[in-house]
Amino acid sequence: MRCNRNKGPNVGSFDPETGKLVPFYNPRKQNWDEHFKIKDAIIIPLTPEARVTVMIFRLNNEDRITERKCMKEAGLL
């Protein structure tokens, strides 16, 4: 639910590296491994779509990182 509140009506955003407007990563049409990797519970964006997705959805805020660490310790990630 948090992600949807952060997204609002937006379908993309400006990539902080290129300044270009790009769509968010679409899990129904795109492969996770081509766009992201996880290191120490931090999601590393590999593409412009991934960068705007991580930024707008706040995927690497402190609470989300803590959640992923707990999930990893529980064997769920």
PDB file of N, CA and C in Angstrom:
ATOM      1  N   MET A   1       0.817  -1.197   0.000  1.00  0.00           N
ATOM      2  CA  MET A   1       0.000   0.000   0.000  1.00  0.00           C
ATOM      3  C   MET A   1       0.859   1.258   0.000  1.00  0.00           C
ATOM      4  N   ARG A   2       1.993   1.212   0.717  1.00  0.00           N
ATOM      5  CA  ARG A   2       2.845   2.397   0.744  1.00  0.00           C
ATOM      6  C   ARG A   2       3.273   2.794  -0.656  1.00  0.00           C
ATOM      7  N   CYS A   3       3.610   1.793  -1.479  1.00  0.00           N
ATOM      8  CA  CYS A   3       4.067   2.091  -2.831  1.00  0.00           C
ATOM      9  C   CYS A   3       3.007   2.832  -3.623  1.00  0.00           C
ATOM     10  N   ASN A   4       1.764   2.399  -3.524  1.00  0.00           N
ATOM     11  CA  ASN A   4       0.696   3.059  -4.271  1.00  0.00           C
ATOM     12  C   ASN A   4       0.508   4.501  -3.833  1.00  0.00           C
ATOM     13  N   ARG A   5       0.660   4.783  -2.553  1.00  0.00           N
ATOM     14  CA  ARG A   5       0.543   6.176  -2.088  1.00  0.00           C
ATOM     15  C   ARG A   5       1.672   7.015  -2.661  1.00  0.00           C
ATOM     16  N   ASN A   6       2.874   6.457  -2.727  1.00  0.00           N
ATOM     17  CA  ASN A   6       4.006   7.200  -3.274  1.00  0.00           C
ATOM     18  C   ASN A   6       3.856   7.413  -4.776  1.00  0.00           C
ATOM     19  N   LYS A   7       3.307   6.426  -5.462  1.00  0.00           N
ATOM     20  CA  LYS A   7       3.150   6.496  -6.909  1.00  0.00           C
ATOM     21  C   LYS A   7       2.107   7.521  -7.314  1.00  0.00           C
ATOM     22  N   GLY A   8       0.981   7.547  -6.605  1.00  0.00           N
ATOM     23  CA  GLY A   8      -0.102   8.440  -6.994  1.00  0.00           C
ATOM     24  C   GLY A   8      -0.557   8.128  -8.403  1.00  0.00           C
ATOM     25  N   PRO A   9      -0.877   9.150  -9.198  1.00  0.00           N
ATOM     26  CA  PRO A   9      -1.353   8.913 -10.564  1.00  0.00           C
ATOM     27  C   PRO A   9      -0.210   8.776 -11.577  1.00  0.00           C
ATOM     28  N   ASN A  10       1.028   8.840 -11.126  1.00  0.00           N
ATOM     29  CA  ASN A  10       2.179   8.846 -12.028  1.00  0.00           C
ATOM     30  C   ASN A  10       2.411   7.486 -12.683  1.00  0.00           C
ATOM     31  N   VAL A  11       2.896   7.502 -13.909  1.00  0.00           N
ATOM     32  CA  VAL A  11       3.259   6.277 -14.618  1.00  0.00           C
ATOM     33  C   VAL A  11       4.760   6.216 -14.873  1.00  0.00           C
ATOM     34  N   GLY A  12       5.464   7.235 -14.435  1.00  0.00           N
ATOM     35  CA  GLY A  12       6.908   7.306 -14.604  1.00  0.00           C
ATOM     36  C   GLY A  12       7.429   8.558 -13.926  1.00  0.00           C
ATOM     37  N   SER A  13       8.709   8.818 -14.139  1.00  0.00           N
ATOM     38  CA  SER A  13       9.320  10.006 -13.550  1.00  0.00           C
ATOM     39  C   SER A  13      10.592  10.329 -14.323  1.00  0.00           C
ATOM     40  N   PHE A  14      11.250  11.401 -13.927  1.00  0.00           N
ATOM     41  CA  PHE A  14      12.494  11.790 -14.566  1.00  0.00           C
ATOM     42  C   PHE A  14      13.651  11.037 -13.930  1.00  0.00           C
ATOM     43  N   ASP A  15      14.422  10.371 -14.774  1.00  0.00           N
ATOM     44  CA  ASP A  15      15.591   9.625 -14.322  1.00  0.00           C
ATOM     45  C   ASP A  15      16.626  10.614 -13.792  1.00  0.00           C
ATOM     46  N   PRO A  16      17.083  10.431 -12.547  1.00  0.00           N
ATOM     47  CA  PRO A  16      18.038  11.374 -11.967  1.00  0.00           C
ATOM     48  C   PRO A  16      19.389  11.395 -12.687  1.00  0.00           C
ATOM     49  N   GLU A  17      19.728  10.335 -13.411  1.00  0.00           N
ATOM     50  CA  GLU A  17      21.014  10.306 -14.123  1.00  0.00           C
ATOM     51  C   GLU A  17      20.943  10.934 -15.505  1.00  0.00           C
ATOM     52  N   THR A  18      19.846  10.696 -16.219  1.00  0.00           N
ATOM     53  CA  THR A  18      19.750  11.187 -17.600  1.00  0.00           C
ATOM     54  C   THR A  18      18.856  12.406 -17.751  1.00  0.00           C
ATOM     55  N   GLY A  19      17.974  12.631 -16.773  1.00  0.00           N
ATOM     56  CA  GLY A  19      17.022  13.727 -16.865  1.00  0.00           C
ATOM     57  C   GLY A  19      15.847  13.430 -17.783  1.00  0.00           C
ATOM     58  N   LYS A  20      15.813  12.223 -18.350  1.00  0.00           N
ATOM     59  CA  LYS A  20      14.739  11.855 -19.271  1.00  0.00           C
ATOM     60  C   LYS A  20      13.552  11.270 -18.514  1.00  0.00           C
ATOM     61  N   LEU A  21      12.366  11.501 -19.062  1.00  0.00           N
ATOM     62  CA  LEU A  21      11.145  10.927 -18.509  1.00  0.00           C
ATOM     63  C   LEU A  21      11.081   9.460 -18.914  1.00  0.00           C
ATOM     64  N   VAL A  22      10.985   8.570 -17.931  1.00  0.00           N
ATOM     65  CA  VAL A  22      10.921   7.133 -18.209  1.00  0.00           C
ATOM     66  C   VAL A  22       9.793   6.502 -17.397  1.00  0.00           C
ATOM     67  N   PRO A  23       9.227   5.415 -17.897  1.00  0.00           N
ATOM     68  CA  PRO A  23       8.168   4.734 -17.149  1.00  0.00           C
ATOM     69  C   PRO A  23       8.743   3.954 -15.976  1.00  0.00           C
ATOM     70  N   PHE A  24       7.881   3.637 -15.022  1.00  0.00           N
ATOM     71  CA  PHE A  24       8.289   2.771 -13.922  1.00  0.00           C
ATOM     72  C   PHE A  24       8.531   1.360 -14.446  1.00  0.00           C
ATOM     73  N   TYR A  25       9.309   0.593 -13.708  1.00  0.00           N
ATOM     74  CA  TYR A  25       9.482  -0.831 -13.973  1.00  0.00           C
ATOM     75  C   TYR A  25       8.112  -1.498 -13.888  1.00  0.00           C
ATOM     76  N   ASN A  26       7.816  -2.366 -14.852  1.00  0.00           N
ATOM     77  CA  ASN A  26       6.533  -3.071 -14.887  1.00  0.00           C
ATOM     78  C   ASN A  26       6.790  -4.564 -14.665  1.00  0.00           C
ATOM     79  N   PRO A  27       6.473  -5.083 -13.474  1.00  0.00           N
ATOM     80  CA  PRO A  27       6.771  -6.491 -13.179  1.00  0.00           C
ATOM     81  C   PRO A  27       5.992  -7.478 -14.047  1.00  0.00           C
ATOM     82  N   ARG A  28       4.925  -7.033 -14.674  1.00  0.00           N
ATOM     83  CA  ARG A  28       4.154  -7.929 -15.544  1.00  0.00           C
ATOM     84  C   ARG A  28       4.784  -8.073 -16.927  1.00  0.00           C
ATOM     85  N   LYS A  29       5.616  -7.100 -17.287  1.00  0.00           N
ATOM     86  CA  LYS A  29       6.189  -7.109 -18.640  1.00  0.00           C
ATOM     87  C   LYS A  29       7.715  -7.169 -18.661  1.00  0.00           C
ATOM     88  N   GLN A  30       8.352  -6.894 -17.523  1.00  0.00           N
ATOM     89  CA  GLN A  30       9.809  -6.813 -17.499  1.00  0.00           C
ATOM     90  C   GLN A  30      10.388  -7.794 -16.480  1.00  0.00           C
ATOM     91  N   ASN A  31      11.618  -8.212 -16.740  1.00  0.00           N
ATOM     92  CA  ASN A  31      12.307  -9.175 -15.890  1.00  0.00           C
ATOM     93  C   ASN A  31      13.062  -8.452 -14.776  1.00  0.00           C
ATOM     94  N   TRP A  32      12.783  -8.839 -13.529  1.00  0.00           N
ATOM     95  CA  TRP A  32      13.416  -8.221 -12.356  1.00  0.00           C
ATOM     96  C   TRP A  32      14.941  -8.208 -12.479  1.00  0.00           C
ATOM     97  N   ASP A  33      15.532  -9.355 -12.835  1.00  0.00           N
ATOM     98  CA  ASP A  33      16.993  -9.483 -12.854  1.00  0.00           C
ATOM     99  C   ASP A  33      17.667  -8.583 -13.884  1.00  0.00           C
ATOM    100  N   GLU A  34      16.938  -8.147 -14.877  1.00  0.00           N
ATOM    101  CA  GLU A  34      17.500  -7.227 -15.866  1.00  0.00           C
ATOM    102  C   GLU A  34      17.502  -5.784 -15.365  1.00  0.00           C
ATOM    103  N   HIS A  35      16.728  -5.507 -14.331  1.00  0.00           N
ATOM    104  CA  HIS A  35      16.563  -4.128 -13.868  1.00  0.00           C
ATOM    105  C   HIS A  35      17.104  -3.857 -12.465  1.00  0.00           C
ATOM    106  N   PHE A  36      17.212  -4.905 -11.636  1.00  0.00           N
ATOM    107  CA  PHE A  36      17.611  -4.723 -10.240  1.00  0.00           C
ATOM    108  C   PHE A  36      18.535  -5.843  -9.783  1.00  0.00           C
ATOM    109  N   LYS A  37      19.295  -5.551  -8.741  1.00  0.00           N
ATOM    110  CA  LYS A  37      19.951  -6.589  -7.960  1.00  0.00           C
ATOM    111  C   LYS A  37      19.841  -6.162  -6.501  1.00  0.00           C
ATOM    112  N   ILE A  38      20.018  -7.102  -5.599  1.00  0.00           N
ATOM    113  CA  ILE A  38      19.949  -6.794  -4.169  1.00  0.00           C
ATOM    114  C   ILE A  38      21.301  -7.094  -3.549  1.00  0.00           C
ATOM    115  N   LYS A  39      21.819  -6.126  -2.815  1.00  0.00           N
ATOM    116  CA  LYS A  39      23.084  -6.301  -2.099  1.00  0.00           C
ATOM    117  C   LYS A  39      22.887  -5.772  -0.686  1.00  0.00           C
ATOM    118  N   ASP A  40      23.095  -6.641   0.291  1.00  0.00           N
ATOM    119  CA  ASP A  40      22.937  -6.260   1.700  1.00  0.00           C
ATOM    120  C   ASP A  40      21.571  -5.621   1.959  1.00  0.00           C
ATOM    121  N   ALA A  41      20.543  -6.193   1.373  1.00  0.00           N
ATOM    122  CA  ALA A  41      19.142  -5.766   1.544  1.00  0.00           C
ATOM    123  C   ALA A  41      18.833  -4.430   0.865  1.00  0.00           C
ATOM    124  N   ILE A  42      19.767  -3.909   0.101  1.00  0.00           N
ATOM    125  CA  ILE A  42      19.546  -2.664  -0.643  1.00  0.00           C
ATOM    126  C   ILE A  42      19.291  -3.022  -2.099  1.00  0.00           C
ATOM    127  N   ILE A  43      18.236  -2.456  -2.666  1.00  0.00           N
ATOM    128  CA  ILE A  43      17.916  -2.697  -4.070  1.00  0.00           C
ATOM    129  C   ILE A  43      18.759  -1.759  -4.925  1.00  0.00           C
ATOM    130  N   ILE A  44      19.566  -2.356  -5.811  1.00  0.00           N
ATOM    131  CA  ILE A  44      20.441  -1.597  -6.696  1.00  0.00           C
ATOM    132  C   ILE A  44      19.762  -1.507  -8.062  1.00  0.00           C
ATOM    133  N   PRO A  45      19.403  -0.301  -8.511  1.00  0.00           N
ATOM    134  CA  PRO A  45      18.780  -0.164  -9.827  1.00  0.00           C
ATOM    135  C   PRO A  45      19.831  -0.259 -10.934  1.00  0.00           C
ATOM    136  N   LEU A  46      19.509  -0.993 -11.997  1.00  0.00           N
ATOM    137  CA  LEU A  46      20.441  -1.194 -13.104  1.00  0.00           C
ATOM    138  C   LEU A  46      20.037  -0.453 -14.377  1.00  0.00           C
ATOM    139  N   THR A  47      18.820   0.068 -14.413  1.00  0.00           N
ATOM    140  CA  THR A  47      18.295   0.727 -15.617  1.00  0.00           C
ATOM    141  C   THR A  47      17.590   2.029 -15.223  1.00  0.00           C
ATOM    142  N   PRO A  48      17.313   2.887 -16.195  1.00  0.00           N
ATOM    143  CA  PRO A  48      16.555   4.103 -15.880  1.00  0.00           C
ATOM    144  C   PRO A  48      15.195   3.798 -15.247  1.00  0.00           C
ATOM    145  N   GLU A  49      14.493   2.783 -15.785  1.00  0.00           N
ATOM    146  CA  GLU A  49      13.195   2.408 -15.214  1.00  0.00           C
ATOM    147  C   GLU A  49      13.345   1.997 -13.755  1.00  0.00           C
ATOM    148  N   ALA A  50      14.389   1.269 -13.471  1.00  0.00           N
ATOM    149  CA  ALA A  50      14.632   0.828 -12.096  1.00  0.00           C
ATOM    150  C   ALA A  50      14.964   2.015 -11.193  1.00  0.00           C
ATOM    151  N   ARG A  51      15.767   2.951 -11.689  1.00  0.00           N
ATOM    152  CA  ARG A  51      16.131   4.117 -10.866  1.00  0.00           C
ATOM    153  C   ARG A  51      14.905   4.919 -10.455  1.00  0.00           C
ATOM    154  N   VAL A  52      14.007   5.192 -11.413  1.00  0.00           N
ATOM    155  CA  VAL A  52      12.824   5.979 -11.044  1.00  0.00           C
ATOM    156  C   VAL A  52      11.893   5.175 -10.144  1.00  0.00           C
ATOM    157  N   THR A  53      11.832   3.870 -10.334  1.00  0.00           N
ATOM    158  CA  THR A  53      10.994   3.020  -9.489  1.00  0.00           C
ATOM    159  C   THR A  53      11.505   3.020  -8.056  1.00  0.00           C
ATOM    160  N   VAL A  54      12.808   2.837  -7.876  1.00  0.00           N
ATOM    161  CA  VAL A  54      13.398   2.850  -6.530  1.00  0.00           C
ATOM    162  C   VAL A  54      13.199   4.215  -5.878  1.00  0.00           C
ATOM    163  N   MET A  55      13.376   5.277  -6.646  1.00  0.00           N
ATOM    164  CA  MET A  55      13.269   6.633  -6.110  1.00  0.00           C
ATOM    165  C   MET A  55      11.828   6.967  -5.698  1.00  0.00           C
ATOM    166  N   ILE A  56      10.875   6.800  -6.596  1.00  0.00           N
ATOM    167  CA  ILE A  56       9.494   7.208  -6.329  1.00  0.00           C
ATOM    168  C   ILE A  56       8.815   6.296  -5.314  1.00  0.00           C
ATOM    169  N   PHE A  57       9.084   4.999  -5.391  1.00  0.00           N
ATOM    170  CA  PHE A  57       8.451   4.057  -4.470  1.00  0.00           C
ATOM    171  C   PHE A  57       9.212   3.949  -3.146  1.00  0.00           C
ATOM    172  N   ARG A  58      10.329   4.674  -3.060  1.00  0.00           N
ATOM    173  CA  ARG A  58      11.145   4.710  -1.834  1.00  0.00           C
ATOM    174  C   ARG A  58      11.520   3.299  -1.368  1.00  0.00           C
ATOM    175  N   LEU A  59      11.985   2.512  -2.310  1.00  0.00           N
ATOM    176  CA  LEU A  59      12.282   1.110  -2.019  1.00  0.00           C
ATOM    177  C   LEU A  59      13.491   0.917  -1.115  1.00  0.00           C
ATOM    178  N   ASN A  60      14.322   1.936  -0.985  1.00  0.00           N
ATOM    179  CA  ASN A  60      15.502   1.799  -0.137  1.00  0.00           C
ATOM    180  C   ASN A  60      15.455   2.691   1.100  1.00  0.00           C
ATOM    181  N   ASN A  61      14.243   3.042   1.547  1.00  0.00           N
ATOM    182  CA  ASN A  61      14.209   3.795   2.804  1.00  0.00           C
ATOM    183  C   ASN A  61      14.540   2.836   3.950  1.00  0.00           C
ATOM    184  N   GLU A  62      14.869   3.369   5.080  1.00  0.00           N
ATOM    185  CA  GLU A  62      15.369   2.578   6.206  1.00  0.00           C
ATOM    186  C   GLU A  62      14.417   1.455   6.615  1.00  0.00           C
ATOM    187  N   ASP A  63      13.126   1.749   6.668  1.00  0.00           N
ATOM    188  CA  ASP A  63      12.148   0.726   7.062  1.00  0.00           C
ATOM    189  C   ASP A  63      12.113  -0.432   6.073  1.00  0.00           C
ATOM    190  N   ARG A  64      12.170  -0.119   4.795  1.00  0.00           N
ATOM    191  CA  ARG A  64      12.112  -1.174   3.771  1.00  0.00           C
ATOM    192  C   ARG A  64      13.364  -2.044   3.820  1.00  0.00           C
ATOM    193  N   ILE A  65      14.524  -1.429   4.049  1.00  0.00           N
ATOM    194  CA  ILE A  65      15.768  -2.199   4.153  1.00  0.00           C
ATOM    195  C   ILE A  65      15.710  -3.122   5.363  1.00  0.00           C
ATOM    196  N   THR A  66      15.214  -2.604   6.481  1.00  0.00           N
ATOM    197  CA  THR A  66      15.071  -3.422   7.689  1.00  0.00           C
ATOM    198  C   THR A  66      14.132  -4.596   7.435  1.00  0.00           C
ATOM    199  N   GLU A  67      13.023  -4.355   6.746  1.00  0.00           N
ATOM    200  CA  GLU A  67      12.084  -5.433   6.405  1.00  0.00           C
ATOM    201  C   GLU A  67      12.775  -6.518   5.589  1.00  0.00           C
ATOM    202  N   ARG A  68      13.553  -6.113   4.585  1.00  0.00           N
ATOM    203  CA  ARG A  68      14.242  -7.101   3.750  1.00  0.00           C
ATOM    204  C   ARG A  68      15.277  -7.876   4.544  1.00  0.00           C
ATOM    205  N   LYS A  69      15.970  -7.221   5.470  1.00  0.00           N
ATOM    206  CA  LYS A  69      16.940  -7.935   6.312  1.00  0.00           C
ATOM    207  C   LYS A  69      16.239  -8.987   7.161  1.00  0.00           C
ATOM    208  N   CYS A  70      15.103  -8.636   7.733  1.00  0.00           N
ATOM    209  CA  CYS A  70      14.331  -9.592   8.546  1.00  0.00           C
ATOM    210  C   CYS A  70      13.827 -10.748   7.692  1.00  0.00           C
ATOM    211  N   MET A  71      13.359 -10.444   6.494  1.00  0.00           N
ATOM    212  CA  MET A  71      12.882 -11.494   5.599  1.00  0.00           C
ATOM    213  C   MET A  71      14.017 -12.441   5.214  1.00  0.00           C
ATOM    214  N   LYS A  72      15.191 -11.875   4.977  1.00  0.00           N
ATOM    215  CA  LYS A  72      16.345 -12.710   4.619  1.00  0.00           C
ATOM    216  C   LYS A  72      16.717 -13.628   5.779  1.00  0.00           C
ATOM    217  N   GLU A  73      16.746 -13.083   6.999  1.00  0.00           N
ATOM    218  CA  GLU A  73      17.072 -13.888   8.179  1.00  0.00           C
ATOM    219  C   GLU A  73      16.055 -15.002   8.399  1.00  0.00           C
ATOM    220  N   ALA A  74      14.802 -14.756   8.019  1.00  0.00           N
ATOM    221  CA  ALA A  74      13.741 -15.757   8.180  1.00  0.00           C
ATOM    222  C   ALA A  74      13.696 -16.731   6.997  1.00  0.00           C
ATOM    223  N   GLY A  75      14.586 -16.535   6.030  1.00  0.00           N
ATOM    224  CA  GLY A  75      14.622 -17.418   4.875  1.00  0.00           C
ATOM    225  C   GLY A  75      13.543 -17.147   3.848  1.00  0.00           C
ATOM    226  N   LEU A  76      12.965 -15.969   3.901  1.00  0.00           N
ATOM    227  CA  LEU A  76      11.882 -15.621   2.985  1.00  0.00           C
ATOM    228  C   LEU A  76      12.351 -14.818   1.777  1.00  0.00           C
ATOM    229  N   LEU A  77      13.616 -14.468   1.756  1.00  0.00           N
ATOM    230  CA  LEU A  77      14.146 -13.664   0.650  1.00  0.00           C
ATOM    231  C   LEU A  77      15.446 -14.255   0.170  1.00  0.00           C
TER     232      LEU A  77
END
